[in-house]
Protein backbone atom coordinates (compact mmCIF):
# COMPACT_ATOMS: atom_id res chain seq x y z
CA MET A 1 34.65 1.76 -5.08
CA LYS A 2 30.81 1.00 -4.47
CA LYS A 3 28.83 3.50 -2.98
CA LYS A 4 27.09 2.55 0.20
CA ILE A 5 23.36 2.16 1.26
CA ASN A 6 21.42 4.86 3.94
CA ILE A 7 18.40 3.03 4.71
CA LEU A 8 15.14 4.35 6.38
CA ILE A 9 13.11 1.93 8.22
CA VAL A 10 9.46 3.29 8.90
CA ASP A 11 7.49 0.76 11.20
CA ASP A 12 5.74 1.19 14.61
CA HIS A 13 6.75 -2.08 16.04
CA PHE A 14 9.94 -1.95 17.95
CA VAL A 15 10.82 -5.92 17.15
CA VAL A 16 10.17 -5.64 13.57
CA ARG A 17 12.67 -2.56 13.26
CA ILE A 18 15.27 -4.82 15.34
CA GLY A 19 14.55 -7.74 13.01
CA LEU A 20 15.19 -5.55 9.84
CA LEU A 21 18.41 -3.89 11.40
CA THR A 22 19.67 -7.08 12.25
CA SER A 23 19.06 -8.41 8.22
CA LEU A 24 20.69 -5.03 6.93
CA LYS A 25 23.40 -4.91 8.73
CA MET A 26 24.72 -8.15 7.64
CA ASN A 27 25.24 -6.79 4.12
CA ARG A 28 28.44 -5.00 3.59
CA ASP A 29 26.33 -2.43 1.04
CA ILE A 30 24.29 -1.14 3.73
CA GLU A 31 26.01 2.16 5.42
CA SER A 32 23.78 2.74 7.95
CA ALA A 33 20.16 2.70 8.66
CA PHE A 34 17.72 5.02 10.48
CA GLU A 35 14.54 4.44 12.57
CA ALA A 36 11.02 5.57 12.73
CA SER A 37 7.71 4.78 14.65
CA THR A 38 5.28 6.79 12.84
CA GLY A 39 4.80 8.84 9.36
CA ARG A 40 5.64 12.60 11.02
CA GLN A 41 9.31 10.76 11.97
CA ALA A 42 10.13 9.36 9.00
CA ILE A 43 9.65 12.56 7.01
CA GLU A 44 11.60 14.54 9.35
CA LEU A 45 14.39 11.88 9.43
CA TYR A 46 14.18 11.93 5.56
CA ARG A 47 14.59 15.52 5.35
CA LYS A 48 17.65 15.55 7.71
CA HIS A 49 19.55 12.35 6.64
CA GLN A 50 18.13 11.69 2.69
CA PRO A 51 18.44 8.25 3.09
CA ASN A 52 18.55 6.00 -0.29
CA VAL A 53 16.14 4.16 0.49
CA VAL A 54 13.01 3.90 2.91
CA LEU A 55 10.90 0.79 4.14
CA MET A 56 8.04 2.09 4.46
CA ASP A 57 4.97 0.00 6.54
CA LEU A 58 1.55 0.21 5.58
CA ARG A 59 -0.12 0.75 9.17
CA LEU A 60 0.96 3.48 11.39
CA PRO A 61 -0.48 4.88 14.32
CA ASP A 62 -0.58 8.52 12.98
CA MET A 63 -0.96 8.43 8.94
CA THR A 64 -1.15 5.23 6.76
CA GLY A 65 2.17 4.40 5.04
CA ILE A 66 0.36 4.95 1.88
CA GLU A 67 -0.10 8.73 2.82
CA ALA A 68 3.12 9.17 4.27
CA THR A 69 4.45 7.83 0.89
CA VAL A 70 2.76 10.29 -0.83
CA THR A 71 4.08 13.25 1.16
CA LEU A 72 7.89 11.66 0.83
CA CYS A 73 7.83 11.62 -2.77
CA ARG A 74 5.76 15.13 -2.85
CA ASP A 75 8.12 17.01 -0.76
CA PHE A 76 11.33 15.01 -2.01
CA PRO A 77 10.90 14.03 -5.73
CA GLY A 78 14.26 11.89 -5.92
CA ALA A 79 12.70 9.47 -2.90
CA LYS A 80 12.85 5.96 -3.16
CA VAL A 81 9.94 3.86 -1.11
CA ILE A 82 9.69 0.36 -0.87
CA ILE A 83 6.40 -0.60 1.35
CA ILE A 84 6.74 -3.58 3.44
CA SER A 85 3.62 -4.80 4.90
CA SER A 86 1.80 -7.92 6.64
CA PHE A 87 -0.66 -7.34 4.00
CA ASP A 88 -0.53 -7.70 0.55
CA ALA A 89 -4.37 -6.99 -0.82
CA GLN A 90 -4.77 -5.94 -4.26
CA GLU A 91 -6.25 -2.53 -3.31
CA ASP A 92 -3.23 -1.96 -0.79
CA VAL A 93 -0.61 -3.01 -3.98
CA TYR A 94 -2.16 -0.80 -5.97
CA ARG A 95 -2.45 2.33 -4.18
CA ALA A 96 1.06 1.78 -3.24
CA PHE A 97 2.44 2.31 -6.76
CA GLN A 98 -0.01 5.06 -7.36
CA ALA A 99 1.49 6.80 -4.28
CA GLY A 100 5.10 6.48 -5.76
CA ALA A 101 6.67 3.63 -4.04
CA LEU A 102 8.84 1.78 -6.18
CA GLY A 103 9.02 -1.71 -4.45
CA TYR A 104 6.34 -3.80 -2.31
CA LEU A 105 7.56 -6.59 -0.10
CA ARG A 106 6.18 -8.87 2.16
CA LYS A 107 7.45 -8.71 5.97
CA ASP A 108 8.02 -12.65 5.93
CA VAL A 109 10.65 -11.35 2.88
CA LEU A 110 14.04 -13.59 3.02
CA GLY A 111 17.23 -11.42 3.72
CA GLU A 112 18.27 -12.17 -0.11
CA GLU A 113 15.33 -11.09 -1.48
CA LEU A 114 15.20 -7.78 0.63
CA PHE A 115 18.64 -6.81 -0.57
CA ARG A 116 18.03 -7.19 -3.72
CA ALA A 117 14.97 -5.30 -3.60
CA ILE A 118 16.93 -2.76 -1.51
CA LYS A 119 19.91 -2.28 -4.42
CA THR A 120 17.23 -2.12 -7.47
CA VAL A 121 15.20 0.51 -5.96
CA ALA A 122 18.32 2.70 -4.92
CA ALA A 123 19.60 1.86 -8.48
CA GLY A 124 16.30 3.49 -9.56
CA GLY A 125 14.77 0.29 -10.38
CA LYS A 126 11.24 -0.86 -9.39
CA PHE A 127 10.78 -4.29 -7.47
CA VAL A 128 7.74 -6.34 -8.03
CA PRO A 129 8.19 -9.81 -6.57
CA PRO A 130 5.99 -12.42 -9.02
CA GLU A 131 2.88 -12.15 -6.94
CA ILE A 132 3.09 -8.90 -5.86
CA ALA A 133 2.89 -8.38 -9.93
CA ARG A 134 -0.23 -10.85 -10.00
CA SER A 135 -2.10 -8.94 -7.54
CA LEU A 136 -1.44 -5.46 -9.55
CA ALA A 137 -2.70 -7.32 -12.96
CA GLU A 138 -5.66 -8.95 -11.38
CA HIS A 139 -6.52 -5.44 -10.03
CA ALA A 140 -6.00 -3.77 -13.65
CA SER A 141 -8.40 -6.25 -14.93
CA GLY A 142 -11.32 -4.60 -13.60
CA SER A 143 -12.05 -0.70 -13.41
CA GLU A 144 -11.23 1.38 -10.40
CA LEU A 145 -14.14 2.41 -8.26
CA THR A 146 -15.43 6.09 -7.88
CA PRO A 147 -15.62 7.38 -4.73
CA ARG A 148 -19.72 7.48 -5.17
CA GLU A 149 -19.28 3.55 -5.99
CA LEU A 150 -17.12 2.89 -2.44
CA GLU A 151 -20.22 4.94 -0.63
CA VAL A 152 -22.33 2.68 -2.19
CA LEU A 153 -20.46 -0.24 -1.53
CA HIS A 154 -20.13 0.70 2.50
CA LEU A 155 -23.78 0.74 2.75
CA LEU A 156 -24.63 -2.55 0.25
CA ILE A 157 -22.05 -4.08 2.94
CA LYS A 158 -24.13 -3.03 5.69
CA GLY A 159 -26.99 -4.97 4.49
CA LEU A 160 -28.86 -2.10 3.07
CA SER A 161 -31.57 -2.44 0.16
CA ASN A 162 -31.17 -0.48 -3.28
CA LYS A 163 -34.22 1.98 -1.42
CA GLU A 164 -32.34 2.17 1.24
CA ILE A 165 -29.16 3.25 -0.21
CA GLY A 166 -30.87 5.82 -2.08
CA GLY A 167 -32.35 7.48 0.90
CA VAL A 168 -29.06 7.88 2.39
CA LEU A 169 -27.88 9.24 -0.71
CA GLY A 170 -30.66 11.24 -1.37
CA ALA A 171 -31.21 9.38 -4.88
CA SER A 172 -33.74 7.33 -6.30
CA GLU A 173 -34.24 3.22 -5.71
CA PHE A 174 -33.27 2.92 -9.51
CA THR A 175 -29.75 5.17 -9.06
CA ALA A 176 -29.22 3.05 -6.43
CA LYS A 177 -29.35 -0.07 -8.40
CA PHE A 178 -26.99 1.19 -11.29
CA HIS A 179 -24.61 2.16 -8.72
CA VAL A 180 -24.89 -1.56 -7.18
CA LYS A 181 -24.94 -2.60 -10.61
CA ASN A 182 -21.94 -1.26 -11.93
CA ILE A 183 -19.84 -2.41 -8.65
CA LEU A 184 -20.93 -5.80 -9.29
CA ALA A 185 -19.81 -5.88 -12.78
CA LYS A 186 -16.35 -4.02 -11.70
CA LEU A 187 -15.52 -6.16 -9.07
CA GLU A 188 -16.42 -9.40 -11.59
CA VAL A 189 -18.53 -11.04 -8.83
CA SER A 190 -22.16 -11.74 -9.20
CA ASP A 191 -24.01 -10.95 -6.06
CA ARG A 192 -23.89 -8.62 -3.03
CA THR A 193 -22.24 -11.33 -0.87
CA GLU A 194 -19.86 -11.78 -3.30
CA ALA A 195 -19.00 -8.32 -3.74
CA ALA A 196 -18.82 -7.89 0.34
CA THR A 197 -16.35 -10.70 0.12
CA ALA A 198 -14.05 -9.52 -2.42
CA ALA A 199 -13.99 -5.62 -1.04
CA PHE A 200 -12.69 -7.35 1.98
CA GLN A 201 -10.03 -10.08 0.30
CA ARG A 202 -8.56 -7.11 -1.97
CA GLY A 203 -8.17 -4.58 0.91
CA ILE A 204 -10.92 -2.42 -0.75
CA ILE A 205 -12.65 -1.80 2.19
CA HIS A 206 -10.70 -2.46 5.80
C-alpha cells in the first residue's frame, strides 16, 4: 500500500495557502495538510505533526523562510523542506539550499510539477527545476562575498566614494578600493553601477 504524504504549508498570505491546499487536495497521495502563517508557528506545528514535506515561503512576518528552514533542519534532522516563493533571485536560491532545503519552486508552479516535487522530496530526493538549476550554476561561477564586502557593497550602492567608504569602515582609501575591486570581480561586472544592478537582481541586496 502506497504511503500517504502529510504536508505543512507555511505562508503568511491566506489566499496563497488556500490555493495550495486546493491543488493538494486533488491528489490522492496527499493525506493531510497543515497551515502556518509564521516561522515560529511552522516550527511548533512541525514538532506536533512531523509532516513529510514542508512548503516554505521566503517572506514571513517574524523571520525569513531561510531562517525557519535552518531551524527546522537543525532541530529535526529528517525535515524535508521545499521553498516556494515569488522570488527566484540567485542569492535567495543559493541560501535556500545552503539552509538545507531540498527543493525550490516559484509560486506560479503548475499542479503537476508541484506534486512531482513533493513526491521526489518526500522520497528523500532533491527537486531543482531547470531555471533554478541555472540560477545556482550562475551563482557558483562567482565566489561568495565576504561579510566585509557585503558591508562595502551597501555603502557603494549608497553612492559613497572609496575615501568615504574607508572613513565609515575605519580603514584607508586604499583598503576600500581593494574591497570594491574584489566585489566587481566576484560579481563579474565592470563598474559600480553594474555592481548595484547585479546586487539587486540577484537578491544579494533587498
